[in-house]
PDB file of N, CA and C in Angstrom:
ATOM      1  N   MET A   1      21.479  64.292  72.032  1.00  0.00           N
ATOM      2  CA  MET A   1      20.946  65.638  72.174  1.00  0.00           C
ATOM      3  C   MET A   1      19.555  65.531  72.805  1.00  0.00           C
ATOM      4  N   MET A   2      19.202  66.533  73.563  1.00  0.00           N
ATOM      5  CA  MET A   2      17.916  66.524  74.255  1.00  0.00           C
ATOM      6  C   MET A   2      16.771  66.869  73.306  1.00  0.00           C
ATOM      7  N   ASP A   3      15.572  66.516  73.715  1.00  0.00           N
ATOM      8  CA  ASP A   3      14.376  66.832  72.955  1.00  0.00           C
ATOM      9  C   ASP A   3      13.880  68.196  73.418  1.00  0.00           C
ATOM     10  N   LEU A   4      13.959  69.207  72.544  1.00  0.00           N
ATOM     11  CA  LEU A   4      13.611  70.568  72.927  1.00  0.00           C
ATOM     12  C   LEU A   4      12.689  71.207  71.905  1.00  0.00           C
ATOM     13  N   ASP A   5      11.531  71.659  72.386  1.00  0.00           N
ATOM     14  CA  ASP A   5      10.592  72.428  71.582  1.00  0.00           C
ATOM     15  C   ASP A   5      10.637  73.865  72.071  1.00  0.00           C
ATOM     16  N   VAL A   6      10.819  74.791  71.147  1.00  0.00           N
ATOM     17  CA  VAL A   6      10.853  76.219  71.483  1.00  0.00           C
ATOM     18  C   VAL A   6       9.754  76.911  70.685  1.00  0.00           C
ATOM     19  N   ARG A   7       8.902  77.621  71.410  1.00  0.00           N
ATOM     20  CA  ARG A   7       7.832  78.389  70.771  1.00  0.00           C
ATOM     21  C   ARG A   7       7.987  79.842  71.187  1.00  0.00           C
ATOM     22  N   VAL A   8       7.982  80.709  70.194  1.00  0.00           N
ATOM     23  CA  VAL A   8       8.025  82.145  70.442  1.00  0.00           C
ATOM     24  C   VAL A   8       6.646  82.698  70.114  1.00  0.00           C
ATOM     25  N   ILE A   9       6.083  83.453  71.040  1.00  0.00           N
ATOM     26  CA  ILE A   9       4.817  84.143  70.784  1.00  0.00           C
ATOM     27  C   ILE A   9       5.176  85.597  70.510  1.00  0.00           C
ATOM     28  N   SER A  10       4.793  86.060  69.334  1.00  0.00           N
ATOM     29  CA  SER A  10       5.227  87.355  68.834  1.00  0.00           C
ATOM     30  C   SER A  10       4.049  88.174  68.335  1.00  0.00           C
ATOM     31  N   GLN A  11       4.213  89.478  68.347  1.00  0.00           N
ATOM     32  CA  GLN A  11       3.270  90.355  67.660  1.00  0.00           C
ATOM     33  C   GLN A  11       3.710  90.451  66.204  1.00  0.00           C
ATOM     34  N   ARG A  12       2.820  90.962  65.361  1.00  0.00           N
ATOM     35  CA  ARG A  12       3.160  91.145  63.951  1.00  0.00           C
ATOM     36  C   ARG A  12       2.943  92.602  63.600  1.00  0.00           C
ATOM     37  N   PRO A  13       3.932  93.295  63.102  1.00  0.00           N
ATOM     38  CA  PRO A  13       5.294  92.813  62.858  1.00  0.00           C
ATOM     39  C   PRO A  13       6.078  92.705  64.163  1.00  0.00           C
ATOM     40  N   ALA A  14       7.010  91.782  64.155  1.00  0.00           N
ATOM     41  CA  ALA A  14       7.843  91.568  65.334  1.00  0.00           C
ATOM     42  C   ALA A  14       8.794  92.740  65.503  1.00  0.00           C
ATOM     43  N   GLY A  15       8.938  93.171  66.711  1.00  0.00           N
ATOM     44  CA  GLY A  15       9.892  94.227  67.027  1.00  0.00           C
ATOM     45  C   GLY A  15      10.501  93.941  68.375  1.00  0.00           C
ATOM     46  N   GLY A  16      11.492  94.672  68.768  1.00  0.00           N
ATOM     47  CA  GLY A  16      12.089  94.584  70.092  1.00  0.00           C
ATOM     48  C   GLY A  16      12.257  93.182  70.631  1.00  0.00           C
ATOM     49  N   ARG A  17      11.564  92.924  71.741  1.00  0.00           N
ATOM     50  CA  ARG A  17      11.701  91.629  72.402  1.00  0.00           C
ATOM     51  C   ARG A  17      11.201  90.482  71.542  1.00  0.00           C
ATOM     52  N   CYS A  18      10.140  90.686  70.777  1.00  0.00           N
ATOM     53  CA  CYS A  18       9.631  89.607  69.919  1.00  0.00           C
ATOM     54  C   CYS A  18      10.696  89.157  68.920  1.00  0.00           C
ATOM     55  N   ALA A  19      11.350  90.111  68.284  1.00  0.00           N
ATOM     56  CA  ALA A  19      12.414  89.783  67.332  1.00  0.00           C
ATOM     57  C   ALA A  19      13.593  89.125  68.039  1.00  0.00           C
ATOM     58  N   LEU A  20      13.940  89.635  69.219  1.00  0.00           N
ATOM     59  CA  LEU A  20      15.041  89.054  69.988  1.00  0.00           C
ATOM     60  C   LEU A  20      14.746  87.604  70.339  1.00  0.00           C
ATOM     61  N   TYR A  21      13.531  87.336  70.801  1.00  0.00           N
ATOM     62  CA  TYR A  21      13.192  85.968  71.206  1.00  0.00           C
ATOM     63  C   TYR A  21      13.180  85.026  69.999  1.00  0.00           C
ATOM     64  N   ALA A  22      12.764  85.521  68.833  1.00  0.00           N
ATOM     65  CA  ALA A  22      12.830  84.706  67.614  1.00  0.00           C
ATOM     66  C   ALA A  22      14.288  84.410  67.257  1.00  0.00           C
ATOM     67  N   ASP A  23      15.164  85.390  67.453  1.00  0.00           N
ATOM     68  CA  ASP A  23      16.599  85.164  67.208  1.00  0.00           C
ATOM     69  C   ASP A  23      17.167  84.154  68.199  1.00  0.00           C
ATOM     70  N   TYR A  24      16.746  84.251  69.461  1.00  0.00           N
ATOM     71  CA  TYR A  24      17.179  83.246  70.451  1.00  0.00           C
ATOM     72  C   TYR A  24      16.754  81.848  70.001  1.00  0.00           C
ATOM     73  N   ALA A  25      15.521  81.722  69.508  1.00  0.00           N
ATOM     74  CA  ALA A  25      15.022  80.422  69.053  1.00  0.00           C
ATOM     75  C   ALA A  25      15.876  79.877  67.913  1.00  0.00           C
ATOM     76  N   GLU A  26      16.289  80.755  67.019  1.00  0.00           N
ATOM     77  CA  GLU A  26      17.150  80.334  65.903  1.00  0.00           C
ATOM     78  C   GLU A  26      18.492  79.801  66.417  1.00  0.00           C
ATOM     79  N   VAL A  27      19.051  80.463  67.423  1.00  0.00           N
ATOM     80  CA  VAL A  27      20.306  79.994  68.029  1.00  0.00           C
ATOM     81  C   VAL A  27      20.093  78.617  68.660  1.00  0.00           C
ATOM     82  N   LEU A  28      18.977  78.441  69.363  1.00  0.00           N
ATOM     83  CA  LEU A  28      18.696  77.147  69.997  1.00  0.00           C
ATOM     84  C   LEU A  28      18.500  76.047  68.954  1.00  0.00           C
ATOM     85  N   ALA A  29      17.898  76.386  67.826  1.00  0.00           N
ATOM     86  CA  ALA A  29      17.743  75.409  66.751  1.00  0.00           C
ATOM     87  C   ALA A  29      19.095  75.006  66.189  1.00  0.00           C
ATOM     88  N   THR A  30      19.965  75.989  65.994  1.00  0.00           N
ATOM     89  CA  THR A  30      21.279  75.722  65.422  1.00  0.00           C
ATOM     90  C   THR A  30      22.161  74.894  66.364  1.00  0.00           C
ATOM     91  N   HIS A  31      22.170  75.257  67.631  1.00  0.00           N
ATOM     92  CA  HIS A  31      23.109  74.644  68.570  1.00  0.00           C
ATOM     93  C   HIS A  31      22.570  73.418  69.298  1.00  0.00           C
ATOM     94  N   LEU A  32      21.247  73.301  69.420  1.00  0.00           N
ATOM     95  CA  LEU A  32      20.670  72.181  70.166  1.00  0.00           C
ATOM     96  C   LEU A  32      19.699  71.345  69.336  1.00  0.00           C
ATOM     97  N   ALA A  33      19.591  71.659  68.052  1.00  0.00           N
ATOM     98  CA  ALA A  33      18.642  70.981  67.165  1.00  0.00           C
ATOM     99  C   ALA A  33      17.220  71.072  67.715  1.00  0.00           C
ATOM    100  N   ALA A  34      16.906  72.194  68.346  1.00  0.00           N
ATOM    101  CA  ALA A  34      15.566  72.411  68.874  1.00  0.00           C
ATOM    102  C   ALA A  34      14.583  72.590  67.733  1.00  0.00           C
ATOM    103  N   ARG A  35      13.371  72.118  67.950  1.00  0.00           N
ATOM    104  CA  ARG A  35      12.276  72.384  67.024  1.00  0.00           C
ATOM    105  C   ARG A  35      11.726  73.745  67.429  1.00  0.00           C
ATOM    106  N   THR A  36      11.624  74.650  66.470  1.00  0.00           N
ATOM    107  CA  THR A  36      11.189  76.002  66.804  1.00  0.00           C
ATOM    108  C   THR A  36       9.959  76.395  65.997  1.00  0.00           C
ATOM    109  N   GLU A  37       9.199  77.298  66.582  1.00  0.00           N
ATOM    110  CA  GLU A  37       7.997  77.798  65.945  1.00  0.00           C
ATOM    111  C   GLU A  37       7.766  79.218  66.449  1.00  0.00           C
ATOM    112  N   VAL A  38       7.409  80.105  65.539  1.00  0.00           N
ATOM    113  CA  VAL A  38       6.995  81.456  65.914  1.00  0.00           C
ATOM    114  C   VAL A  38       5.499  81.543  65.641  1.00  0.00           C
ATOM    115  N   VAL A  39       4.758  81.895  66.681  1.00  0.00           N
ATOM    116  CA  VAL A  39       3.313  82.026  66.603  1.00  0.00           C
ATOM    117  C   VAL A  39       2.976  83.496  66.793  1.00  0.00           C
ATOM    118  N   PHE A  40       2.140  84.037  65.919  1.00  0.00           N
ATOM    119  CA  PHE A  40       1.761  85.441  66.027  1.00  0.00           C
ATOM    120  C   PHE A  40       0.459  85.565  66.806  1.00  0.00           C
ATOM    121  N   SER A  41       0.420  86.572  67.664  1.00  0.00           N
ATOM    122  CA  SER A  41      -0.728  86.779  68.529  1.00  0.00           C
ATOM    123  C   SER A  41      -0.989  88.272  68.697  1.00  0.00           C
ATOM    124  N   THR A  42      -2.228  88.617  68.988  1.00  0.00           N
ATOM    125  CA  THR A  42      -2.568  89.995  69.326  1.00  0.00           C
ATOM    126  C   THR A  42      -2.697  90.160  70.836  1.00  0.00           C
ATOM    127  N   ARG A  43      -2.514  89.073  71.567  1.00  0.00           N
ATOM    128  CA  ARG A  43      -2.663  89.094  73.030  1.00  0.00           C
ATOM    129  C   ARG A  43      -1.360  89.503  73.706  1.00  0.00           C
ATOM    130  N   ARG A  44      -1.432  90.546  74.497  1.00  0.00           N
ATOM    131  CA  ARG A  44      -0.274  90.956  75.297  1.00  0.00           C
ATOM    132  C   ARG A  44      -0.284  90.180  76.609  1.00  0.00           C
ATOM    133  N   ASP A  45       0.757  89.402  76.822  1.00  0.00           N
ATOM    134  CA  ASP A  45       0.914  88.653  78.072  1.00  0.00           C
ATOM    135  C   ASP A  45       2.370  88.227  78.138  1.00  0.00           C
ATOM    136  N   ALA A  46       3.239  89.208  78.399  1.00  0.00           N
ATOM    137  CA  ALA A  46       4.678  88.949  78.384  1.00  0.00           C
ATOM    138  C   ALA A  46       5.030  87.796  79.313  1.00  0.00           C
ATOM    139  N   HIS A  47       5.793  86.872  78.762  1.00  0.00           N
ATOM    140  CA  HIS A  47       6.326  85.724  79.490  1.00  0.00           C
ATOM    141  C   HIS A  47       5.215  84.836  80.033  1.00  0.00           C
ATOM    142  N   GLY A  48       4.158  84.749  79.219  1.00  0.00           N
ATOM    143  CA  GLY A  48       3.008  83.918  79.562  1.00  0.00           C
ATOM    144  C   GLY A  48       2.437  83.289  78.312  1.00  0.00           C
ATOM    145  N   ALA A  49       1.154  83.605  78.038  1.00  0.00           N
ATOM    146  CA  ALA A  49       0.486  83.010  76.884  1.00  0.00           C
ATOM    147  C   ALA A  49       0.324  83.984  75.716  1.00  0.00           C
ATOM    148  N   GLY A  50       0.879  85.187  75.844  1.00  0.00           N
ATOM    149  CA  GLY A  50       0.813  86.173  74.774  1.00  0.00           C
ATOM    150  C   GLY A  50       2.201  86.673  74.440  1.00  0.00           C
ATOM    151  N   PHE A  51       2.251  87.775  73.679  1.00  0.00           N
ATOM    152  CA  PHE A  51       3.568  88.271  73.269  1.00  0.00           C
ATOM    153  C   PHE A  51       4.100  89.276  74.271  1.00  0.00           C
ATOM    154  N   PRO A  52       5.393  89.453  74.385  1.00  0.00           N
ATOM    155  CA  PRO A  52       6.466  88.584  73.888  1.00  0.00           C
ATOM    156  C   PRO A  52       6.741  87.457  74.879  1.00  0.00           C
ATOM    157  N   SER A  53       6.807  86.250  74.376  1.00  0.00           N
ATOM    158  CA  SER A  53       7.078  85.087  75.220  1.00  0.00           C
ATOM    159  C   SER A  53       7.947  84.093  74.467  1.00  0.00           C
ATOM    160  N   LEU A  54       8.735  83.348  75.224  1.00  0.00           N
ATOM    161  CA  LEU A  54       9.509  82.235  74.683  1.00  0.00           C
ATOM    162  C   LEU A  54       9.248  81.061  75.612  1.00  0.00           C
ATOM    163  N   LEU A  55       8.727  79.983  75.024  1.00  0.00           N
ATOM    164  CA  LEU A  55       8.413  78.784  75.796  1.00  0.00           C
ATOM    165  C   LEU A  55       9.371  77.673  75.413  1.00  0.00           C
ATOM    166  N   MET A  56       9.830  76.951  76.413  1.00  0.00           N
ATOM    167  CA  MET A  56      10.646  75.757  76.197  1.00  0.00           C
ATOM    168  C   MET A  56       9.852  74.571  76.724  1.00  0.00           C
ATOM    169  N   ASN A  57       9.607  73.611  75.845  1.00  0.00           N
ATOM    170  CA  ASN A  57       8.836  72.427  76.189  1.00  0.00           C
ATOM    171  C   ASN A  57       7.540  72.809  76.904  1.00  0.00           C
ATOM    172  N   GLY A  58       6.879  73.846  76.377  1.00  0.00           N
ATOM    173  CA  GLY A  58       5.564  74.224  76.857  1.00  0.00           C
ATOM    174  C   GLY A  58       5.518  75.172  78.041  1.00  0.00           C
ATOM    175  N   GLN A  59       6.658  75.510  78.624  1.00  0.00           N
ATOM    176  CA  GLN A  59       6.677  76.406  79.776  1.00  0.00           C
ATOM    177  C   GLN A  59       7.365  77.713  79.422  1.00  0.00           C
ATOM    178  N   ALA A  60       6.703  78.821  79.756  1.00  0.00           N
ATOM    179  CA  ALA A  60       7.270  80.139  79.484  1.00  0.00           C
ATOM    180  C   ALA A  60       8.503  80.357  80.346  1.00  0.00           C
ATOM    181  N   VAL A  61       9.582  80.806  79.715  1.00  0.00           N
ATOM    182  CA  VAL A  61      10.806  81.145  80.436  1.00  0.00           C
ATOM    183  C   VAL A  61      10.596  82.531  81.036  1.00  0.00           C
ATOM    184  N   GLN A  62      10.939  82.672  82.309  1.00  0.00           N
ATOM    185  CA  GLN A  62      10.735  83.934  83.019  1.00  0.00           C
ATOM    186  C   GLN A  62      12.053  84.700  83.127  1.00  0.00           C
ATOM    187  N   PRO A  63      12.028  85.988  82.825  1.00  0.00           N
ATOM    188  CA  PRO A  63      13.249  86.794  82.953  1.00  0.00           C
ATOM    189  C   PRO A  63      13.529  87.128  84.420  1.00  0.00           C
ATOM    190  N   ALA A  64      14.786  87.033  84.813  1.00  0.00           N
ATOM    191  CA  ALA A  64      15.176  87.340  86.191  1.00  0.00           C
ATOM    192  C   ALA A  64      14.840  88.775  86.562  1.00  0.00           C
ATOM    193  N   ASP A  65      14.938  89.679  85.572  1.00  0.00           N
ATOM    194  CA  ASP A  65      14.651  91.091  85.857  1.00  0.00           C
ATOM    195  C   ASP A  65      13.172  91.435  85.672  1.00  0.00           C
ATOM    196  N   GLY A  66      12.365  90.455  85.266  1.00  0.00           N
ATOM    197  CA  GLY A  66      10.947  90.670  85.077  1.00  0.00           C
ATOM    198  C   GLY A  66      10.565  91.382  83.793  1.00  0.00           C
ATOM    199  N   VAL A  67      11.558  91.727  82.952  1.00  0.00           N
ATOM    200  CA  VAL A  67      11.281  92.533  81.767  1.00  0.00           C
ATOM    201  C   VAL A  67      11.700  91.856  80.469  1.00  0.00           C
ATOM    202  N   ILE A  68      12.964  91.444  80.380  1.00  0.00           N
ATOM    203  CA  ILE A  68      13.506  90.925  79.122  1.00  0.00           C
ATOM    204  C   ILE A  68      14.332  89.672  79.382  1.00  0.00           C
ATOM    205  N   LEU A  69      14.139  88.670  78.519  1.00  0.00           N
ATOM    206  CA  LEU A  69      14.932  87.446  78.648  1.00  0.00           C
ATOM    207  C   LEU A  69      16.368  87.713  78.251  1.00  0.00           C
ATOM    208  N   MET A  70      17.257  87.305  79.122  1.00  0.00           N
ATOM    209  CA  MET A  70      18.686  87.415  78.866  1.00  0.00           C
ATOM    210  C   MET A  70      19.231  86.014  78.620  1.00  0.00           C
ATOM    211  N   PRO A  71      20.410  85.900  77.998  1.00  0.00           N
ATOM    212  CA  PRO A  71      21.001  84.581  77.790  1.00  0.00           C
ATOM    213  C   PRO A  71      21.086  83.755  79.081  1.00  0.00           C
ATOM    214  N   ALA A  72      21.377  84.381  80.200  1.00  0.00           N
ATOM    215  CA  ALA A  72      21.472  83.655  81.473  1.00  0.00           C
ATOM    216  C   ALA A  72      20.130  83.026  81.862  1.00  0.00           C
ATOM    217  N   ASP A  73      19.020  83.697  81.540  1.00  0.00           N
ATOM    218  CA  ASP A  73      17.701  83.141  81.838  1.00  0.00           C
ATOM    219  C   ASP A  73      17.453  81.870  81.024  1.00  0.00           C
ATOM    220  N   LEU A  74      17.830  81.916  79.761  1.00  0.00           N
ATOM    221  CA  LEU A  74      17.654  80.743  78.901  1.00  0.00           C
ATOM    222  C   LEU A  74      18.560  79.604  79.350  1.00  0.00           C
ATOM    223  N   CYS A  75      19.790  79.935  79.695  1.00  0.00           N
ATOM    224  CA  CYS A  75      20.729  78.907  80.148  1.00  0.00           C
ATOM    225  C   CYS A  75      20.278  78.280  81.462  1.00  0.00           C
ATOM    226  N   ALA A  76      19.694  79.078  82.355  1.00  0.00           N
ATOM    227  CA  ALA A  76      19.180  78.537  83.616  1.00  0.00           C
ATOM    228  C   ALA A  76      18.059  77.531  83.346  1.00  0.00           C
ATOM    229  N   ARG A  77      17.183  77.866  82.410  1.00  0.00           N
ATOM    230  CA  ARG A  77      16.093  76.942  82.067  1.00  0.00           C
ATOM    231  C   ARG A  77      16.644  75.684  81.412  1.00  0.00           C
ATOM    232  N   LEU A  78      17.637  75.836  80.557  1.00  0.00           N
ATOM    233  CA  LEU A  78      18.247  74.676  79.907  1.00  0.00           C
ATOM    234  C   LEU A  78      18.979  73.798  80.923  1.00  0.00           C
ATOM    235  N   THR A  79      19.597  74.407  81.922  1.00  0.00           N
ATOM    236  CA  THR A  79      20.233  73.636  82.994  1.00  0.00           C
ATOM    237  C   THR A  79      19.181  72.789  83.698  1.00  0.00           C
ATOM    238  N   ALA A  80      18.039  73.395  83.998  1.00  0.00           N
ATOM    239  CA  ALA A  80      16.954  72.668  84.656  1.00  0.00           C
ATOM    240  C   ALA A  80      16.440  71.518  83.786  1.00  0.00           C
ATOM    241  N   LEU A  81      16.568  71.682  82.464  1.00  0.00           N
ATOM    242  CA  LEU A  81      16.157  70.627  81.534  1.00  0.00           C
ATOM    243  C   LEU A  81      17.246  69.581  81.311  1.00  0.00           C
ATOM    244  N   GLY A  82      18.421  69.790  81.917  1.00  0.00           N
ATOM    245  CA  GLY A  82      19.477  68.786  81.851  1.00  0.00           C
ATOM    246  C   GLY A  82      20.532  68.972  80.783  1.00  0.00           C
ATOM    247  N   VAL A  83      20.639  70.161  80.212  1.00  0.00           N
ATOM    248  CA  VAL A  83      21.671  70.399  79.199  1.00  0.00           C
ATOM    249  C   VAL A  83      23.030  70.481  79.880  1.00  0.00           C
ATOM    250  N   ASP A  84      24.017  69.845  79.285  1.00  0.00           N
ATOM    251  CA  ASP A  84      25.384  69.767  79.802  1.00  0.00           C
ATOM    252  C   ASP A  84      26.056  71.138  79.886  1.00  0.00           C
ATOM    253  N   ASP A  85      26.844  71.352  80.933  1.00  0.00           N
ATOM    254  CA  ASP A  85      27.531  72.633  81.149  1.00  0.00           C
ATOM    255  C   ASP A  85      28.442  73.032  79.990  1.00  0.00           C
ATOM    256  N   ALA A  86      29.135  72.068  79.396  1.00  0.00           N
ATOM    257  CA  ALA A  86      30.044  72.381  78.285  1.00  0.00           C
ATOM    258  C   ALA A  86      29.254  72.936  77.097  1.00  0.00           C
ATOM    259  N   ILE A  87      28.090  72.380  76.848  1.00  0.00           N
ATOM    260  CA  ILE A  87      27.236  72.868  75.763  1.00  0.00           C
ATOM    261  C   ILE A  87      26.721  74.263  76.107  1.00  0.00           C
ATOM    262  N   LEU A  88      26.340  74.466  77.362  1.00  0.00           N
ATOM    263  CA  LEU A  88      25.826  75.773  77.786  1.00  0.00           C
ATOM    264  C   LEU A  88      26.870  76.867  77.670  1.00  0.00           C
ATOM    265  N   ASP A  89      28.138  76.545  77.929  1.00  0.00           N
ATOM    266  CA  ASP A  89      29.195  77.552  77.796  1.00  0.00           C
ATOM    267  C   ASP A  89      29.273  78.073  76.368  1.00  0.00           C
ATOM    268  N   ARG A  90      29.221  77.175  75.386  1.00  0.00           N
ATOM    269  CA  ARG A  90      29.255  77.589  73.979  1.00  0.00           C
ATOM    270  C   ARG A  90      27.964  78.300  73.589  1.00  0.00           C
ATOM    271  N   LEU A  91      26.860  77.826  74.106  1.00  0.00           N
ATOM    272  CA  LEU A  91      25.564  78.391  73.780  1.00  0.00           C
ATOM    273  C   LEU A  91      25.415  79.812  74.318  1.00  0.00           C
ATOM    274  N   ALA A  92      25.930  80.065  75.502  1.00  0.00           N
ATOM    275  CA  ALA A  92      25.822  81.404  76.108  1.00  0.00           C
ATOM    276  C   ALA A  92      26.438  82.460  75.192  1.00  0.00           C
ATOM    277  N   ASP A  93      27.590  82.155  74.623  1.00  0.00           N
ATOM    278  CA  ASP A  93      28.233  83.101  73.704  1.00  0.00           C
ATOM    279  C   ASP A  93      27.370  83.332  72.465  1.00  0.00           C
ATOM    280  N   ALA A  94      26.795  82.268  71.933  1.00  0.00           N
ATOM    281  CA  ALA A  94      25.951  82.392  70.736  1.00  0.00           C
ATOM    282  C   ALA A  94      24.680  83.190  71.038  1.00  0.00           C
ATOM    283  N   LEU A  95      24.131  83.038  72.231  1.00  0.00           N
ATOM    284  CA  LEU A  95      22.920  83.775  72.609  1.00  0.00           C
ATOM    285  C   LEU A  95      23.194  85.252  72.851  1.00  0.00           C
ATOM    286  N   ASP A  96      24.436  85.583  73.176  1.00  0.00           N
ATOM    287  CA  ASP A  96      24.799  86.988  73.385  1.00  0.00           C
ATOM    288  C   ASP A  96      24.725  87.796  72.087  1.00  0.00           C
ATOM    289  N   ALA A  97      24.988  87.164  70.952  1.00  0.00           N
ATOM    290  CA  ALA A  97      25.045  87.882  69.669  1.00  0.00           C
ATOM    291  C   ALA A  97      23.740  88.601  69.328  1.00  0.00           C
ATOM    292  N   PRO A  98      22.571  87.916  69.370  1.00  0.00           N
ATOM    293  CA  PRO A  98      21.343  88.644  69.050  1.00  0.00           C
ATOM    294  C   PRO A  98      21.010  89.730  70.069  1.00  0.00           C
ATOM    295  N   LEU A  99      21.367  89.509  71.319  1.00  0.00           N
ATOM    296  CA  LEU A  99      21.131  90.535  72.340  1.00  0.00           C
ATOM    297  C   LEU A  99      21.973  91.773  72.049  1.00  0.00           C
ATOM    298  N   GLU A 100      23.234  91.570  71.699  1.00  0.00           N
ATOM    299  CA  GLU A 100      24.117  92.695  71.373  1.00  0.00           C
ATOM    300  C   GLU A 100      23.605  93.446  70.148  1.00  0.00           C
ATOM    301  N   ARG A 101      23.110  92.708  69.135  1.00  0.00           N
ATOM    302  CA  ARG A 101      22.553  93.362  67.940  1.00  0.00           C
ATOM    303  C   ARG A 101      21.355  94.221  68.313  1.00  0.00           C
ATOM    304  N   MET A 102      20.481  93.702  69.170  1.00  0.00           N
ATOM    305  CA  MET A 102      19.312  94.467  69.563  1.00  0.00           C
ATOM    306  C   MET A 102      19.724  95.723  70.360  1.00  0.00           C
ATOM    307  N   LEU A 103      20.644  95.557  71.275  1.00  0.00           N
ATOM    308  CA  LEU A 103      21.077  96.698  72.093  1.00  0.00           C
ATOM    309  C   LEU A 103      21.783  97.756  71.257  1.00  0.00           C
ATOM    310  N   ALA A 104      22.436  97.326  70.169  1.00  0.00           N
ATOM    311  CA  ALA A 104      23.132  98.268  69.280  1.00  0.00           C
ATOM    312  C   ALA A 104      22.163  98.941  68.310  1.00  0.00           C
ATOM    313  N   GLY A 105      20.916  98.448  68.290  1.00  0.00           N
ATOM    314  CA  GLY A 105      19.921  99.054  67.410  1.00  0.00           C
ATOM    315  C   GLY A 105      19.972  98.553  65.993  1.00  0.00           C
ATOM    316  N   ALA A 106      20.615  97.408  65.788  1.00  0.00           N
ATOM    317  CA  ALA A 106      20.731  96.857  64.423  1.00  0.00           C
ATOM    318  C   ALA A 106      19.468  96.185  63.994  1.00  0.00           C
TER     319      ALA A 106
END
């Protein structure tokens, strides 16, 4: 398994994207044994050094649409980090679950 550190920068209390990114981190911990950490910040800097951000191995993952990280964005970053396609196929489905919960308003 690869060495993966995931850091989520969140506001407190976490809502919307911050909560979603924390859920994504939990999926990555479960499926890739990633080390995860949620850091709370008052600094707004989406997809950078403030909230809401998700960093993999120290680099902020950028959303393709410029607004919200989607499972495909995370999988693209993991591909660049060398994660196997078979693992990514299973992971994509698992990453869809928290996104669907957020979109449903749960």
